[in-house]
Amino acid sequence: MKKLSVIFAILAVLLSDVMCATVAYNYCSLLWGGRYAGFSAPASTAFVLAVPYVLGIAVCAVLAVVFGKMRRSADKSESEEK
């Protein structure tokens, strides 16, 4: 369970980094498009792309906590048996 907890914690951090890069790139692209290419959508619509990432980060963080608690309870019951 410790490995799963660590994997999901790392995945949450990686998702947050990818989210920042994706939103920043799309914001800059929409900002440029609005100024020079005649895009009608405002640049702030790039933040809508953060929603799936935020949900994924939340799920990974919850799973990391759950697996961490399961590991601690398994370790505790294992030490009580001895």
C-alpha atoms as a PDB file:
ATOM      1  CA  MET A   1       0.000   0.000   0.000  1.00  0.00           C
ATOM      2  CA  LYS A   2       2.934   2.330   0.587  1.00  0.00           C
ATOM      3  CA  LYS A   3       3.925   2.101  -3.071  1.00  0.00           C
ATOM      4  CA  LEU A   4       0.412   2.966  -4.220  1.00  0.00           C
ATOM      5  CA  SER A   5       0.276   5.911  -1.850  1.00  0.00           C
ATOM      6  CA  VAL A   6       3.571   7.263  -3.161  1.00  0.00           C
ATOM      7  CA  ILE A   7       2.620   6.639  -6.802  1.00  0.00           C
ATOM      8  CA  PHE A   8      -0.640   8.569  -6.479  1.00  0.00           C
ATOM      9  CA  ALA A   9       1.075  11.405  -4.603  1.00  0.00           C
ATOM     10  CA  ILE A  10       3.686  11.711  -7.360  1.00  0.00           C
ATOM     11  CA  LEU A  11       0.966  11.517 -10.001  1.00  0.00           C
ATOM     12  CA  ALA A  12      -0.905  14.394  -8.325  1.00  0.00           C
ATOM     13  CA  VAL A  13       2.230  16.550  -8.381  1.00  0.00           C
ATOM     14  CA  LEU A  14       2.931  15.712 -12.032  1.00  0.00           C
ATOM     15  CA  LEU A  15      -0.661  16.493 -12.986  1.00  0.00           C
ATOM     16  CA  SER A  16      -0.404  19.888 -11.320  1.00  0.00           C
ATOM     17  CA  ASP A  17       2.752  20.678 -13.295  1.00  0.00           C
ATOM     18  CA  VAL A  18       1.169  19.578 -16.573  1.00  0.00           C
ATOM     19  CA  MET A  19      -1.953  21.592 -15.745  1.00  0.00           C
ATOM     20  CA  CYS A  20       0.086  24.754 -15.208  1.00  0.00           C
ATOM     21  CA  ALA A  21       1.968  24.286 -18.476  1.00  0.00           C
ATOM     22  CA  THR A  22      -1.169  23.515 -20.492  1.00  0.00           C
ATOM     23  CA  VAL A  23      -3.190  26.409 -19.138  1.00  0.00           C
ATOM     24  CA  ALA A  24      -0.293  28.858 -19.547  1.00  0.00           C
ATOM     25  CA  TYR A  25       0.330  27.792 -23.140  1.00  0.00           C
ATOM     26  CA  ASN A  26      -3.343  28.009 -24.099  1.00  0.00           C
ATOM     27  CA  TYR A  27      -3.755  31.349 -22.308  1.00  0.00           C
ATOM     28  CA  CYS A  28      -0.846  32.823 -24.267  1.00  0.00           C
ATOM     29  CA  SER A  29      -2.169  31.325 -27.485  1.00  0.00           C
ATOM     30  CA  LEU A  30      -5.648  32.747 -26.939  1.00  0.00           C
ATOM     31  CA  LEU A  31      -4.215  36.112 -25.893  1.00  0.00           C
ATOM     32  CA  TRP A  32      -2.159  36.318 -29.080  1.00  0.00           C
ATOM     33  CA  GLY A  33      -5.082  35.102 -31.165  1.00  0.00           C
ATOM     34  CA  GLY A  34      -7.368  37.705 -29.673  1.00  0.00           C
ATOM     35  CA  ARG A  35      -4.959  40.524 -30.433  1.00  0.00           C
ATOM     36  CA  TYR A  36      -3.652  39.552 -33.854  1.00  0.00           C
ATOM     37  CA  ALA A  37      -5.735  36.750 -35.412  1.00  0.00           C
ATOM     38  CA  GLY A  38      -9.231  37.933 -34.512  1.00  0.00           C
ATOM     39  CA  PHE A  39     -10.221  35.167 -32.075  1.00  0.00           C
ATOM     40  CA  SER A  40     -13.559  35.908 -30.466  1.00  0.00           C
ATOM     41  CA  ALA A  41     -13.042  33.918 -27.235  1.00  0.00           C
ATOM     42  CA  PRO A  42     -11.362  35.761 -24.357  1.00  0.00           C
ATOM     43  CA  ALA A  43      -8.019  34.455 -23.144  1.00  0.00           C
ATOM     44  CA  SER A  44      -9.535  33.602 -19.772  1.00  0.00           C
ATOM     45  CA  THR A  45     -11.352  30.652 -21.349  1.00  0.00           C
ATOM     46  CA  ALA A  46      -8.029  28.816 -21.143  1.00  0.00           C
ATOM     47  CA  PHE A  47      -8.734  28.347 -17.434  1.00  0.00           C
ATOM     48  CA  VAL A  48     -11.615  26.011 -18.329  1.00  0.00           C
ATOM     49  CA  LEU A  49      -8.930  23.511 -19.327  1.00  0.00           C
ATOM     50  CA  ALA A  50      -7.845  23.344 -15.689  1.00  0.00           C
ATOM     51  CA  VAL A  51     -11.099  21.692 -14.575  1.00  0.00           C
ATOM     52  CA  PRO A  52     -10.254  18.103 -15.633  1.00  0.00           C
ATOM     53  CA  TYR A  53      -6.761  18.454 -14.218  1.00  0.00           C
ATOM     54  CA  VAL A  54      -8.087  19.719 -10.882  1.00  0.00           C
ATOM     55  CA  LEU A  55     -10.470  16.771 -10.688  1.00  0.00           C
ATOM     56  CA  GLY A  56      -7.642  14.350 -11.482  1.00  0.00           C
ATOM     57  CA  ILE A  57      -5.390  15.954  -8.881  1.00  0.00           C
ATOM     58  CA  ALA A  58      -8.146  15.706  -6.275  1.00  0.00           C
ATOM     59  CA  VAL A  59      -8.768  12.026  -7.053  1.00  0.00           C
ATOM     60  CA  CYS A  60      -5.048  11.218  -6.891  1.00  0.00           C
ATOM     61  CA  ALA A  61      -4.638  13.093  -3.615  1.00  0.00           C
ATOM     62  CA  VAL A  62      -7.614  11.306  -2.045  1.00  0.00           C
ATOM     63  CA  LEU A  63      -6.338   7.920  -3.212  1.00  0.00           C
ATOM     64  CA  ALA A  64      -2.868   8.683  -1.838  1.00  0.00           C
ATOM     65  CA  VAL A  65      -4.358   9.526   1.564  1.00  0.00           C
ATOM     66  CA  VAL A  66      -6.630   6.457   1.556  1.00  0.00           C
ATOM     67  CA  PHE A  67      -3.802   4.099   0.640  1.00  0.00           C
ATOM     68  CA  GLY A  68      -1.578   5.739   3.248  1.00  0.00           C
ATOM     69  CA  LYS A  69      -4.209   5.187   5.948  1.00  0.00           C
ATOM     70  CA  MET A  70      -4.713   1.592   4.827  1.00  0.00           C
ATOM     71  CA  ARG A  71      -0.980   0.998   5.090  1.00  0.00           C
ATOM     72  CA  ARG A  72      -0.827   2.500   8.571  1.00  0.00           C
ATOM     73  CA  SER A  73      -3.775   0.446   9.782  1.00  0.00           C
ATOM     74  CA  ALA A  74      -2.255  -2.714   8.278  1.00  0.00           C
ATOM     75  CA  ASP A  75       1.067  -1.964   9.967  1.00  0.00           C
ATOM     76  CA  LYS A  76      -0.712  -1.307  13.273  1.00  0.00           C
ATOM     77  CA  SER A  77      -2.710  -4.555  13.161  1.00  0.00           C
ATOM     78  CA  GLU A  78       0.411  -6.444  12.137  1.00  0.00           C
ATOM     79  CA  SER A  79       2.346  -5.094  15.120  1.00  0.00           C
ATOM     80  CA  GLU A  80      -0.532  -5.990  17.472  1.00  0.00           C
ATOM     81  CA  GLU A  81      -0.458  -9.612  16.325  1.00  0.00           C
ATOM     82  CA  LYS A  82       3.173  -9.967  17.361  1.00  0.00           C
END
